Amino acid sequence: MGKSRIGESDGAAAVAAATSDFDGASREVRATAVRYLLQRLADSAEGNSVEVRVPPFGAVQCIEGPGHTRGTPPNVVEMDARTWLDLATGTLTWVDGIAAARIHASGQRADLTGYVPLAR
């Protein structure tokens, strides 16, 4: 059984609610917003050479290139939910997120420049 997909209307509504008042949004709304934007990233940057993690809500593999099958992937990008929403919606740039240590990236391919923002 495959993972269920978040519909466009539900995802967009969750992103709008979570980005307008992150602290006031419920955990469920924040989780839906994060997962929806991760889903969009995986759809737009198909592949499995980079793993993008947003604990505790989700992780996806994306970007074409050599993949991995076991253990910790060689290319990992990790950040908290607020940072992911900011990055995916264009409020935060990749360069600024790295400089502020809000984004942790390891590996040669662990760079989302050109893949974000996803939604404006």
PDB file of N, CA and C in Angstrom:
ATOM      1  N   MET A   1       0.845  -1.175   0.000  1.00  0.00           N
ATOM      2  CA  MET A   1       0.000   0.000   0.000  1.00  0.00           C
ATOM      3  C   MET A   1       0.889   1.237   0.000  1.00  0.00           C
ATOM      4  N   GLY A   2       0.696   2.146  -0.958  1.00  0.00           N
ATOM      5  CA  GLY A   2       1.507   3.357  -1.071  1.00  0.00           C
ATOM      6  C   GLY A   2       1.064   4.417  -0.079  1.00  0.00           C
ATOM      7  N   LYS A   3       1.931   5.398   0.065  1.00  0.00           N
ATOM      8  CA  LYS A   3       1.605   6.504   0.954  1.00  0.00           C
ATOM      9  C   LYS A   3       0.482   7.334   0.344  1.00  0.00           C
ATOM     10  N   SER A   4      -0.405   7.829   1.189  1.00  0.00           N
ATOM     11  CA  SER A   4      -1.471   8.677   0.679  1.00  0.00           C
ATOM     12  C   SER A   4      -0.901  10.064   0.373  1.00  0.00           C
ATOM     13  N   ARG A   5      -1.421  10.652  -0.685  1.00  0.00           N
ATOM     14  CA  ARG A   5      -0.954  11.970  -1.104  1.00  0.00           C
ATOM     15  C   ARG A   5      -1.844  13.043  -0.516  1.00  0.00           C
ATOM     16  N   ILE A   6      -1.265  14.188  -0.265  1.00  0.00           N
ATOM     17  CA  ILE A   6      -2.019  15.331   0.236  1.00  0.00           C
ATOM     18  C   ILE A   6      -2.524  16.091  -0.981  1.00  0.00           C
ATOM     19  N   GLY A   7      -3.806  16.325  -1.024  1.00  0.00           N
ATOM     20  CA  GLY A   7      -4.416  17.041  -2.150  1.00  0.00           C
ATOM     21  C   GLY A   7      -3.991  18.498  -2.193  1.00  0.00           C
ATOM     22  N   GLU A   8      -4.076  19.064  -3.382  1.00  0.00           N
ATOM     23  CA  GLU A   8      -3.673  20.459  -3.607  1.00  0.00           C
ATOM     24  C   GLU A   8      -4.401  21.431  -2.681  1.00  0.00           C
ATOM     25  N   SER A   9      -5.715  21.307  -2.576  1.00  0.00           N
ATOM     26  CA  SER A   9      -6.470  22.261  -1.764  1.00  0.00           C
ATOM     27  C   SER A   9      -6.147  22.117  -0.278  1.00  0.00           C
ATOM     28  N   ASP A  10      -6.050  20.887   0.210  1.00  0.00           N
ATOM     29  CA  ASP A  10      -5.703  20.678   1.617  1.00  0.00           C
ATOM     30  C   ASP A  10      -4.279  21.154   1.910  1.00  0.00           C
ATOM     31  N   GLY A  11      -3.365  20.846   0.994  1.00  0.00           N
ATOM     32  CA  GLY A  11      -1.980  21.257   1.182  1.00  0.00           C
ATOM     33  C   GLY A  11      -1.814  22.760   1.154  1.00  0.00           C
ATOM     34  N   ALA A  12      -2.421  23.407   0.172  1.00  0.00           N
ATOM     35  CA  ALA A  12      -2.318  24.864   0.063  1.00  0.00           C
ATOM     36  C   ALA A  12      -2.928  25.554   1.272  1.00  0.00           C
ATOM     37  N   ALA A  13      -4.057  25.029   1.764  1.00  0.00           N
ATOM     38  CA  ALA A  13      -4.694  25.620   2.948  1.00  0.00           C
ATOM     39  C   ALA A  13      -3.804  25.472   4.178  1.00  0.00           C
ATOM     40  N   ALA A  14      -3.169  24.318   4.334  1.00  0.00           N
ATOM     41  CA  ALA A  14      -2.279  24.098   5.472  1.00  0.00           C
ATOM     42  C   ALA A  14      -1.053  25.000   5.383  1.00  0.00           C
ATOM     43  N   VAL A  15      -0.490  25.147   4.191  1.00  0.00           N
ATOM     44  CA  VAL A  15       0.669  26.025   4.020  1.00  0.00           C
ATOM     45  C   VAL A  15       0.289  27.462   4.360  1.00  0.00           C
ATOM     46  N   ALA A  16      -0.851  27.916   3.873  1.00  0.00           N
ATOM     47  CA  ALA A  16      -1.300  29.283   4.163  1.00  0.00           C
ATOM     48  C   ALA A  16      -1.474  29.496   5.660  1.00  0.00           C
ATOM     49  N   ALA A  17      -2.100  28.550   6.328  1.00  0.00           N
ATOM     50  CA  ALA A  17      -2.337  28.684   7.769  1.00  0.00           C
ATOM     51  C   ALA A  17      -1.036  28.623   8.554  1.00  0.00           C
ATOM     52  N   ALA A  18      -0.157  27.706   8.201  1.00  0.00           N
ATOM     53  CA  ALA A  18       1.094  27.538   8.952  1.00  0.00           C
ATOM     54  C   ALA A  18       2.057  28.693   8.723  1.00  0.00           C
ATOM     55  N   THR A  19       2.057  29.260   7.534  1.00  0.00           N
ATOM     56  CA  THR A  19       2.982  30.363   7.272  1.00  0.00           C
ATOM     57  C   THR A  19       2.462  31.690   7.804  1.00  0.00           C
ATOM     58  N   SER A  20       1.146  31.829   7.930  1.00  0.00           N
ATOM     59  CA  SER A  20       0.622  33.091   8.455  1.00  0.00           C
ATOM     60  C   SER A  20       0.741  33.176   9.971  1.00  0.00           C
ATOM     61  N   ASP A  21       0.673  32.037  10.670  1.00  0.00           N
ATOM     62  CA  ASP A  21       0.790  32.033  12.129  1.00  0.00           C
ATOM     63  C   ASP A  21       1.334  30.672  12.567  1.00  0.00           C
ATOM     64  N   PHE A  22       2.637  30.480  12.396  1.00  0.00           N
ATOM     65  CA  PHE A  22       3.249  29.185  12.679  1.00  0.00           C
ATOM     66  C   PHE A  22       2.969  28.729  14.105  1.00  0.00           C
ATOM     67  N   ASP A  23       3.205  29.592  15.073  1.00  0.00           N
ATOM     68  CA  ASP A  23       3.022  29.206  16.480  1.00  0.00           C
ATOM     69  C   ASP A  23       1.562  28.972  16.835  1.00  0.00           C
ATOM     70  N   GLY A  24       0.656  29.647  16.153  1.00  0.00           N
ATOM     71  CA  GLY A  24      -0.764  29.487  16.427  1.00  0.00           C
ATOM     72  C   GLY A  24      -1.403  28.329  15.683  1.00  0.00           C
ATOM     73  N   ALA A  25      -0.723  27.832  14.665  1.00  0.00           N
ATOM     74  CA  ALA A  25      -1.266  26.713  13.894  1.00  0.00           C
ATOM     75  C   ALA A  25      -1.144  25.426  14.706  1.00  0.00           C
ATOM     76  N   SER A  26      -2.105  24.546  14.545  1.00  0.00           N
ATOM     77  CA  SER A  26      -2.061  23.271  15.259  1.00  0.00           C
ATOM     78  C   SER A  26      -0.915  22.415  14.731  1.00  0.00           C
ATOM     79  N   ARG A  27      -0.531  21.449  15.523  1.00  0.00           N
ATOM     80  CA  ARG A  27       0.530  20.523  15.098  1.00  0.00           C
ATOM     81  C   ARG A  27       0.109  19.810  13.815  1.00  0.00           C
ATOM     82  N   GLU A  28      -1.153  19.447  13.700  1.00  0.00           N
ATOM     83  CA  GLU A  28      -1.659  18.766  12.510  1.00  0.00           C
ATOM     84  C   GLU A  28      -1.536  19.644  11.266  1.00  0.00           C
ATOM     85  N   VAL A  29      -1.866  20.913  11.398  1.00  0.00           N
ATOM     86  CA  VAL A  29      -1.756  21.840  10.263  1.00  0.00           C
ATOM     87  C   VAL A  29      -0.294  22.014   9.869  1.00  0.00           C
ATOM     88  N   ARG A  30       0.594  22.189  10.854  1.00  0.00           N
ATOM     89  CA  ARG A  30       2.029  22.321  10.543  1.00  0.00           C
ATOM     90  C   ARG A  30       2.548  21.054   9.867  1.00  0.00           C
ATOM     91  N   ALA A  31       2.155  19.893  10.368  1.00  0.00           N
ATOM     92  CA  ALA A  31       2.595  18.621   9.778  1.00  0.00           C
ATOM     93  C   ALA A  31       2.107  18.486   8.342  1.00  0.00           C
ATOM     94  N   THR A  32       0.852  18.827   8.092  1.00  0.00           N
ATOM     95  CA  THR A  32       0.308  18.741   6.737  1.00  0.00           C
ATOM     96  C   THR A  32       1.042  19.692   5.804  1.00  0.00           C
ATOM     97  N   ALA A  33       1.306  20.903   6.256  1.00  0.00           N
ATOM     98  CA  ALA A  33       2.024  21.881   5.434  1.00  0.00           C
ATOM     99  C   ALA A  33       3.419  21.375   5.091  1.00  0.00           C
ATOM    100  N   VAL A  34       4.142  20.869   6.071  1.00  0.00           N
ATOM    101  CA  VAL A  34       5.496  20.347   5.839  1.00  0.00           C
ATOM    102  C   VAL A  34       5.455  19.176   4.877  1.00  0.00           C
ATOM    103  N   ARG A  35       4.582  18.227   5.123  1.00  0.00           N
ATOM    104  CA  ARG A  35       4.504  17.024   4.282  1.00  0.00           C
ATOM    105  C   ARG A  35       4.081  17.356   2.858  1.00  0.00           C
ATOM    106  N   TYR A  36       3.168  18.301   2.728  1.00  0.00           N
ATOM    107  CA  TYR A  36       2.728  18.703   1.394  1.00  0.00           C
ATOM    108  C   TYR A  36       3.885  19.320   0.603  1.00  0.00           C
ATOM    109  N   LEU A  37       4.643  20.193   1.231  1.00  0.00           N
ATOM    110  CA  LEU A  37       5.763  20.822   0.522  1.00  0.00           C
ATOM    111  C   LEU A  37       6.885  19.826   0.253  1.00  0.00           C
ATOM    112  N   LEU A  38       7.095  18.864   1.143  1.00  0.00           N
ATOM    113  CA  LEU A  38       8.058  17.791   0.863  1.00  0.00           C
ATOM    114  C   LEU A  38       7.585  16.961  -0.332  1.00  0.00           C
ATOM    115  N   GLN A  39       6.305  16.676  -0.376  1.00  0.00           N
ATOM    116  CA  GLN A  39       5.709  15.936  -1.493  1.00  0.00           C
ATOM    117  C   GLN A  39       5.936  16.689  -2.802  1.00  0.00           C
ATOM    118  N   ARG A  40       5.726  17.999  -2.781  1.00  0.00           N
ATOM    119  CA  ARG A  40       5.945  18.807  -3.989  1.00  0.00           C
ATOM    120  C   ARG A  40       7.412  18.799  -4.400  1.00  0.00           C
ATOM    121  N   LEU A  41       8.323  18.843  -3.431  1.00  0.00           N
ATOM    122  CA  LEU A  41       9.748  18.775  -3.744  1.00  0.00           C
ATOM    123  C   LEU A  41      10.073  17.449  -4.419  1.00  0.00           C
ATOM    124  N   ALA A  42       9.599  16.354  -3.843  1.00  0.00           N
ATOM    125  CA  ALA A  42       9.866  15.029  -4.412  1.00  0.00           C
ATOM    126  C   ALA A  42       9.291  14.912  -5.821  1.00  0.00           C
ATOM    127  N   ASP A  43       8.142  15.528  -6.061  1.00  0.00           N
ATOM    128  CA  ASP A  43       7.523  15.496  -7.391  1.00  0.00           C
ATOM    129  C   ASP A  43       8.317  16.312  -8.408  1.00  0.00           C
ATOM    130  N   SER A  44       8.830  17.453  -7.980  1.00  0.00           N
ATOM    131  CA  SER A  44       9.505  18.345  -8.925  1.00  0.00           C
ATOM    132  C   SER A  44      10.981  18.026  -9.107  1.00  0.00           C
ATOM    133  N   ALA A  45      11.570  17.322  -8.160  1.00  0.00           N
ATOM    134  CA  ALA A  45      13.002  16.986  -8.227  1.00  0.00           C
ATOM    135  C   ALA A  45      13.155  15.478  -8.065  1.00  0.00           C
ATOM    136  N   GLU A  46      12.576  14.742  -8.995  1.00  0.00           N
ATOM    137  CA  GLU A  46      12.581  13.279  -8.895  1.00  0.00           C
ATOM    138  C   GLU A  46      13.996  12.727  -8.819  1.00  0.00           C
ATOM    139  N   GLY A  47      14.160  11.715  -8.022  1.00  0.00           N
ATOM    140  CA  GLY A  47      15.441  11.057  -7.849  1.00  0.00           C
ATOM    141  C   GLY A  47      15.596  10.573  -6.423  1.00  0.00           C
ATOM    142  N   ASN A  48      16.786  10.075  -6.109  1.00  0.00           N
ATOM    143  CA  ASN A  48      17.007   9.596  -4.735  1.00  0.00           C
ATOM    144  C   ASN A  48      18.447   9.796  -4.284  1.00  0.00           C
ATOM    145  N   SER A  49      19.080  10.875  -4.754  1.00  0.00           N
ATOM    146  CA  SER A  49      20.464  11.097  -4.332  1.00  0.00           C
ATOM    147  C   SER A  49      20.578  11.993  -3.104  1.00  0.00           C
ATOM    148  N   VAL A  50      19.510  12.700  -2.752  1.00  0.00           N
ATOM    149  CA  VAL A  50      19.525  13.589  -1.584  1.00  0.00           C
ATOM    150  C   VAL A  50      18.311  13.261  -0.725  1.00  0.00           C
ATOM    151  N   GLU A  51      18.533  13.175   0.571  1.00  0.00           N
ATOM    152  CA  GLU A  51      17.417  12.987   1.498  1.00  0.00           C
ATOM    153  C   GLU A  51      17.192  14.295   2.229  1.00  0.00           C
ATOM    154  N   VAL A  52      15.969  14.792   2.180  1.00  0.00           N
ATOM    155  CA  VAL A  52      15.593  16.022   2.880  1.00  0.00           C
ATOM    156  C   VAL A  52      14.747  15.613   4.070  1.00  0.00           C
ATOM    157  N   ARG A  53      15.222  15.985   5.258  1.00  0.00           N
ATOM    158  CA  ARG A  53      14.552  15.595   6.505  1.00  0.00           C
ATOM    159  C   ARG A  53      14.027  16.823   7.241  1.00  0.00           C
ATOM    160  N   VAL A  54      12.783  16.718   7.687  1.00  0.00           N
ATOM    161  CA  VAL A  54      12.168  17.763   8.500  1.00  0.00           C
ATOM    162  C   VAL A  54      11.519  17.059   9.696  1.00  0.00           C
ATOM    163  N   PRO A  55      12.351  16.718  10.698  1.00  0.00           N
ATOM    164  CA  PRO A  55      11.798  15.998  11.851  1.00  0.00           C
ATOM    165  C   PRO A  55      10.882  16.897  12.675  1.00  0.00           C
ATOM    166  N   PRO A  56       9.850  16.354  13.243  1.00  0.00           N
ATOM    167  CA  PRO A  56       9.431  14.957  13.248  1.00  0.00           C
ATOM    168  C   PRO A  56       8.411  14.638  12.161  1.00  0.00           C
ATOM    169  N   PHE A  57       8.230  15.544  11.193  1.00  0.00           N
ATOM    170  CA  PHE A  57       7.103  15.422  10.272  1.00  0.00           C
ATOM    171  C   PHE A  57       7.349  14.599   9.019  1.00  0.00           C
ATOM    172  N   GLY A  58       8.562  14.548   8.519  1.00  0.00           N
ATOM    173  CA  GLY A  58       8.741  13.773   7.301  1.00  0.00           C
ATOM    174  C   GLY A  58      10.126  13.883   6.701  1.00  0.00           C
ATOM    175  N   ALA A  59      10.327  13.073   5.682  1.00  0.00           N
ATOM    176  CA  ALA A  59      11.570  13.060   4.919  1.00  0.00           C
ATOM    177  C   ALA A  59      11.250  12.534   3.527  1.00  0.00           C
ATOM    178  N   VAL A  60      11.967  13.045   2.532  1.00  0.00           N
ATOM    179  CA  VAL A  60      11.823  12.558   1.161  1.00  0.00           C
ATOM    180  C   VAL A  60      13.190  12.425   0.526  1.00  0.00           C
ATOM    181  N   GLN A  61      13.250  11.583  -0.466  1.00  0.00           N
ATOM    182  CA  GLN A  61      14.445  11.494  -1.294  1.00  0.00           C
ATOM    183  C   GLN A  61      14.126  12.179  -2.609  1.00  0.00           C
ATOM    184  N   CYS A  62      15.114  12.916  -3.116  1.00  0.00           N
ATOM    185  CA  CYS A  62      14.886  13.681  -4.330  1.00  0.00           C
ATOM    186  C   CYS A  62      16.207  13.901  -5.061  1.00  0.00           C
ATOM    187  N   ILE A  63      16.153  14.535  -6.179  1.00  0.00           N
ATOM    188  CA  ILE A  63      17.265  14.951  -7.033  1.00  0.00           C
ATOM    189  C   ILE A  63      17.948  13.738  -7.680  1.00  0.00           C
ATOM    190  N   GLU A  64      18.018  13.804  -8.989  1.00  0.00           N
ATOM    191  CA  GLU A  64      18.658  12.734  -9.758  1.00  0.00           C
ATOM    192  C   GLU A  64      20.121  12.592  -9.397  1.00  0.00           C
ATOM    193  N   GLY A  65      20.605  11.391  -9.502  1.00  0.00           N
ATOM    194  CA  GLY A  65      22.005  11.105  -9.232  1.00  0.00           C
ATOM    195  C   GLY A  65      22.130   9.744  -8.596  1.00  0.00           C
ATOM    196  N   PRO A  66      23.333   9.407  -8.192  1.00  0.00           N
ATOM    197  CA  PRO A  66      23.530   8.089  -7.567  1.00  0.00           C
ATOM    198  C   PRO A  66      22.740   7.990  -6.267  1.00  0.00           C
ATOM    199  N   GLY A  67      22.011   6.922  -6.125  1.00  0.00           N
ATOM    200  CA  GLY A  67      21.194   6.719  -4.936  1.00  0.00           C
ATOM    201  C   GLY A  67      21.895   5.854  -3.910  1.00  0.00           C
ATOM    202  N   HIS A  68      21.199   5.592  -2.854  1.00  0.00           N
ATOM    203  CA  HIS A  68      21.712   4.710  -1.810  1.00  0.00           C
ATOM    204  C   HIS A  68      20.600   3.743  -1.449  1.00  0.00           C
ATOM    205  N   THR A  69      20.968   2.624  -0.862  1.00  0.00           N
ATOM    206  CA  THR A  69      19.952   1.631  -0.529  1.00  0.00           C
ATOM    207  C   THR A  69      19.911   1.273   0.949  1.00  0.00           C
ATOM    208  N   ARG A  70      21.015   1.506   1.670  1.00  0.00           N
ATOM    209  CA  ARG A  70      21.031   1.114   3.083  1.00  0.00           C
ATOM    210  C   ARG A  70      21.799   2.150   3.893  1.00  0.00           C
ATOM    211  N   GLY A  71      21.403   2.254   5.139  1.00  0.00           N
ATOM    212  CA  GLY A  71      22.129   3.135   6.055  1.00  0.00           C
ATOM    213  C   GLY A  71      21.867   4.606   5.790  1.00  0.00           C
ATOM    214  N   THR A  72      22.684   5.438   6.379  1.00  0.00           N
ATOM    215  CA  THR A  72      22.558   6.880   6.227  1.00  0.00           C
ATOM    216  C   THR A  72      22.979   7.285   4.825  1.00  0.00           C
ATOM    217  N   PRO A  73      22.133   8.052   4.134  1.00  0.00           N
ATOM    218  CA  PRO A  73      22.498   8.473   2.788  1.00  0.00           C
ATOM    219  C   PRO A  73      23.688   9.442   2.808  1.00  0.00           C
ATOM    220  N   PRO A  74      24.468   9.478   1.734  1.00  0.00           N
ATOM    221  CA  PRO A  74      25.636  10.345   1.700  1.00  0.00           C
ATOM    222  C   PRO A  74      25.304  11.828   1.566  1.00  0.00           C
ATOM    223  N   ASN A  75      24.104  12.163   1.111  1.00  0.00           N
ATOM    224  CA  ASN A  75      23.695  13.550   0.910  1.00  0.00           C
ATOM    225  C   ASN A  75      22.411  13.806   1.696  1.00  0.00           C
ATOM    226  N   VAL A  76      22.538  14.576   2.762  1.00  0.00           N
ATOM    227  CA  VAL A  76      21.405  14.810   3.646  1.00  0.00           C
ATOM    228  C   VAL A  76      21.239  16.308   3.888  1.00  0.00           C
ATOM    229  N   VAL A  77      19.997  16.752   3.835  1.00  0.00           N
ATOM    230  CA  VAL A  77      19.637  18.117   4.193  1.00  0.00           C
ATOM    231  C   VAL A  77      18.617  17.990   5.316  1.00  0.00           C
ATOM    232  N   GLU A  78      18.861  18.686   6.423  1.00  0.00           N
ATOM    233  CA  GLU A  78      17.945  18.591   7.560  1.00  0.00           C
ATOM    234  C   GLU A  78      17.691  19.974   8.135  1.00  0.00           C
ATOM    235  N   MET A  79      16.434  20.190   8.535  1.00  0.00           N
ATOM    236  CA  MET A  79      16.049  21.466   9.136  1.00  0.00           C
ATOM    237  C   MET A  79      14.757  21.276   9.914  1.00  0.00           C
ATOM    238  N   ASP A  80      14.413  22.271  10.732  1.00  0.00           N
ATOM    239  CA  ASP A  80      13.162  22.197  11.480  1.00  0.00           C
ATOM    240  C   ASP A  80      11.997  22.634  10.585  1.00  0.00           C
ATOM    241  N   ALA A  81      10.801  22.453  11.081  1.00  0.00           N
ATOM    242  CA  ALA A  81       9.597  22.708  10.286  1.00  0.00           C
ATOM    243  C   ALA A  81       9.478  24.172   9.870  1.00  0.00           C
ATOM    244  N   ARG A  82       9.721  25.088  10.764  1.00  0.00           N
ATOM    245  CA  ARG A  82       9.611  26.512  10.426  1.00  0.00           C
ATOM    246  C   ARG A  82      10.592  26.870   9.317  1.00  0.00           C
ATOM    247  N   THR A  83      11.815  26.377   9.431  1.00  0.00           N
ATOM    248  CA  THR A  83      12.823  26.661   8.407  1.00  0.00           C
ATOM    249  C   THR A  83      12.392  26.091   7.061  1.00  0.00           C
ATOM    250  N   TRP A  84      11.878  24.853   7.047  1.00  0.00           N
ATOM    251  CA  TRP A  84      11.434  24.248   5.797  1.00  0.00           C
ATOM    252  C   TRP A  84      10.316  25.070   5.158  1.00  0.00           C
ATOM    253  N   LEU A  85       9.345  25.494   5.954  1.00  0.00           N
ATOM    254  CA  LEU A  85       8.262  26.310   5.403  1.00  0.00           C
ATOM    255  C   LEU A  85       8.802  27.623   4.848  1.00  0.00           C
ATOM    256  N   ASP A  86       9.717  28.248   5.567  1.00  0.00           N
ATOM    257  CA  ASP A  86      10.318  29.496   5.087  1.00  0.00           C
ATOM    258  C   ASP A  86      11.088  29.278   3.789  1.00  0.00           C
ATOM    259  N   LEU A  87      11.861  28.209   3.736  1.00  0.00           N
ATOM    260  CA  LEU A  87      12.663  27.905   2.559  1.00  0.00           C
ATOM    261  C   LEU A  87      11.773  27.554   1.358  1.00  0.00           C
ATOM    262  N   ALA A  88      10.810  26.690   1.586  1.00  0.00           N
ATOM    263  CA  ALA A  88       9.950  26.216   0.493  1.00  0.00           C
ATOM    264  C   ALA A  88       9.038  27.308  -0.053  1.00  0.00           C
ATOM    265  N   THR A  89       8.711  28.303   0.760  1.00  0.00           N
ATOM    266  CA  THR A  89       7.818  29.371   0.307  1.00  0.00           C
ATOM    267  C   THR A  89       8.572  30.623  -0.122  1.00  0.00           C
ATOM    268  N   GLY A  90       9.888  30.620  -0.003  1.00  0.00           N
ATOM    269  CA  GLY A  90      10.678  31.754  -0.469  1.00  0.00           C
ATOM    270  C   GLY A  90      10.933  32.840   0.542  1.00  0.00           C
ATOM    271  N   THR A  91      10.509  32.649   1.769  1.00  0.00           N
ATOM    272  CA  THR A  91      10.772  33.625   2.823  1.00  0.00           C
ATOM    273  C   THR A  91      12.235  33.598   3.240  1.00  0.00           C
ATOM    274  N   LEU A  92      12.875  32.445   3.073  1.00  0.00           N
ATOM    275  CA  LEU A  92      14.279  32.236   3.410  1.00  0.00           C
ATOM    276  C   LEU A  92      14.989  31.692   2.182  1.00  0.00           C
ATOM    277  N   THR A  93      16.156  32.221   1.885  1.00  0.00           N
ATOM    278  CA  THR A  93      16.937  31.679   0.770  1.00  0.00           C
ATOM    279  C   THR A  93      17.833  30.567   1.286  1.00  0.00           C
ATOM    280  N   TRP A  94      18.271  29.717   0.372  1.00  0.00           N
ATOM    281  CA  TRP A  94      19.182  28.631   0.717  1.00  0.00           C
ATOM    282  C   TRP A  94      20.456  29.187   1.355  1.00  0.00           C
ATOM    283  N   VAL A  95      21.035  30.195   0.732  1.00  0.00           N
ATOM    284  CA  VAL A  95      22.293  30.781   1.208  1.00  0.00           C
ATOM    285  C   VAL A  95      22.123  31.349   2.614  1.00  0.00           C
ATOM    286  N   ASP A  96      21.042  32.068   2.846  1.00  0.00           N
ATOM    287  CA  ASP A  96      20.810  32.657   4.176  1.00  0.00           C
ATOM    288  C   ASP A  96      20.536  31.572   5.215  1.00  0.00           C
ATOM    289  N   GLY A  97      19.823  30.528   4.836  1.00  0.00           N
ATOM    290  CA  GLY A  97      19.546  29.431   5.768  1.00  0.00           C
ATOM    291  C   GLY A  97      20.812  28.700   6.185  1.00  0.00           C
ATOM    292  N   ILE A  98      21.716  28.478   5.237  1.00  0.00           N
ATOM    293  CA  ILE A  98      23.000  27.838   5.544  1.00  0.00           C
ATOM    294  C   ILE A  98      23.837  28.762   6.425  1.00  0.00           C
ATOM    295  N   ALA A  99      23.903  30.047   6.054  1.00  0.00           N
ATOM    296  CA  ALA A  99      24.723  31.011   6.802  1.00  0.00           C
ATOM    297  C   ALA A  99      24.249  31.159   8.240  1.00  0.00           C
ATOM    298  N   ALA A 100      22.947  31.074   8.455  1.00  0.00           N
ATOM    299  CA  ALA A 100      22.386  31.213   9.797  1.00  0.00           C
ATOM    300  C   ALA A 100      22.349  29.889  10.563  1.00  0.00           C
ATOM    301  N   ALA A 101      22.863  28.833   9.954  1.00  0.00           N
ATOM    302  CA  ALA A 101      22.881  27.488  10.551  1.00  0.00           C
ATOM    303  C   ALA A 101      21.472  26.975  10.849  1.00  0.00           C
ATOM    304  N   ARG A 102      20.498  27.429  10.073  1.00  0.00           N
ATOM    305  CA  ARG A 102      19.135  26.908  10.200  1.00  0.00           C
ATOM    306  C   ARG A 102      18.973  25.649   9.358  1.00  0.00           C
ATOM    307  N   ILE A 103      19.859  25.501   8.367  1.00  0.00           N
ATOM    308  CA  ILE A 103      19.838  24.335   7.478  1.00  0.00           C
ATOM    309  C   ILE A 103      21.155  23.597   7.666  1.00  0.00           C
ATOM    310  N   HIS A 104      21.071  22.307   7.857  1.00  0.00           N
ATOM    311  CA  HIS A 104      22.260  21.463   7.993  1.00  0.00           C
ATOM    312  C   HIS A 104      22.327  20.570   6.763  1.00  0.00           C
ATOM    313  N   ALA A 105      23.413  20.699   6.000  1.00  0.00           N
ATOM    314  CA  ALA A 105      23.555  19.937   4.765  1.00  0.00           C
ATOM    315  C   ALA A 105      24.908  19.249   4.742  1.00  0.00           C
ATOM    316  N   SER A 106      24.901  17.966   4.366  1.00  0.00           N
ATOM    317  CA  SER A 106      26.158  17.238   4.246  1.00  0.00           C
ATOM    318  C   SER A 106      26.139  16.428   2.957  1.00  0.00           C
ATOM    319  N   GLY A 107      27.272  16.412   2.289  1.00  0.00           N
ATOM    320  CA  GLY A 107      27.405  15.688   1.033  1.00  0.00           C
ATOM    321  C   GLY A 107      27.498  16.630  -0.148  1.00  0.00           C
ATOM    322  N   GLN A 108      28.153  16.183  -1.203  1.00  0.00           N
ATOM    323  CA  GLN A 108      28.370  17.008  -2.390  1.00  0.00           C
ATOM    324  C   GLN A 108      27.087  17.461  -3.057  1.00  0.00           C
ATOM    325  N   ARG A 109      26.062  16.649  -3.039  1.00  0.00           N
ATOM    326  CA  ARG A 109      24.810  16.979  -3.723  1.00  0.00           C
ATOM    327  C   ARG A 109      23.771  17.609  -2.791  1.00  0.00           C
ATOM    328  N   ALA A 110      24.104  17.816  -1.539  1.00  0.00           N
ATOM    329  CA  ALA A 110      23.144  18.317  -0.556  1.00  0.00           C
ATOM    330  C   ALA A 110      22.966  19.827  -0.700  1.00  0.00           C
ATOM    331  N   ASP A 111      22.308  20.223  -1.785  1.00  0.00           N
ATOM    332  CA  ASP A 111      22.087  21.625  -2.087  1.00  0.00           C
ATOM    333  C   ASP A 111      20.746  21.734  -2.814  1.00  0.00           C
ATOM    334  N   LEU A 112      19.838  22.496  -2.258  1.00  0.00           N
ATOM    335  CA  LEU A 112      18.511  22.621  -2.860  1.00  0.00           C
ATOM    336  C   LEU A 112      18.374  23.874  -3.712  1.00  0.00           C
ATOM    337  N   THR A 113      19.480  24.571  -3.978  1.00  0.00           N
ATOM    338  CA  THR A 113      19.440  25.732  -4.845  1.00  0.00           C
ATOM    339  C   THR A 113      18.831  25.324  -6.187  1.00  0.00           C
ATOM    340  N   GLY A 114      17.883  26.097  -6.642  1.00  0.00           N
ATOM    341  CA  GLY A 114      17.216  25.789  -7.911  1.00  0.00           C
ATOM    342  C   GLY A 114      15.982  24.923  -7.745  1.00  0.00           C
ATOM    343  N   TYR A 115      15.814  24.323  -6.585  1.00  0.00           N
ATOM    344  CA  TYR A 115      14.637  23.486  -6.326  1.00  0.00           C
ATOM    345  C   TYR A 115      13.639  24.177  -5.403  1.00  0.00           C
ATOM    346  N   VAL A 116      14.093  25.165  -4.682  1.00  0.00           N
ATOM    347  CA  VAL A 116      13.241  25.955  -3.796  1.00  0.00           C
ATOM    348  C   VAL A 116      13.405  27.415  -4.172  1.00  0.00           C
ATOM    349  N   PRO A 117      12.397  28.242  -4.027  1.00  0.00           N
ATOM    350  CA  PRO A 117      11.115  27.960  -3.375  1.00  0.00           C
ATOM    351  C   PRO A 117      10.176  27.131  -4.265  1.00  0.00           C
ATOM    352  N   LEU A 118       9.243  26.470  -3.588  1.00  0.00           N
ATOM    353  CA  LEU A 118       8.241  25.643  -4.260  1.00  0.00           C
ATOM    354  C   LEU A 118       6.917  26.375  -4.413  1.00  0.00           C
ATOM    355  N   ALA A 119       6.579  27.166  -3.423  1.00  0.00           N
ATOM    356  CA  ALA A 119       5.292  27.876  -3.412  1.00  0.00           C
ATOM    357  C   ALA A 119       5.544  29.305  -3.001  1.00  0.00           C
ATOM    358  N   ARG A 120       4.765  30.178  -3.546  1.00  0.00           N
ATOM    359  CA  ARG A 120       4.918  31.601  -3.198  1.00  0.00           C
ATOM    360  C   ARG A 120       3.632  32.108  -2.598  1.00  0.00           C
TER     361      ARG A 120
END
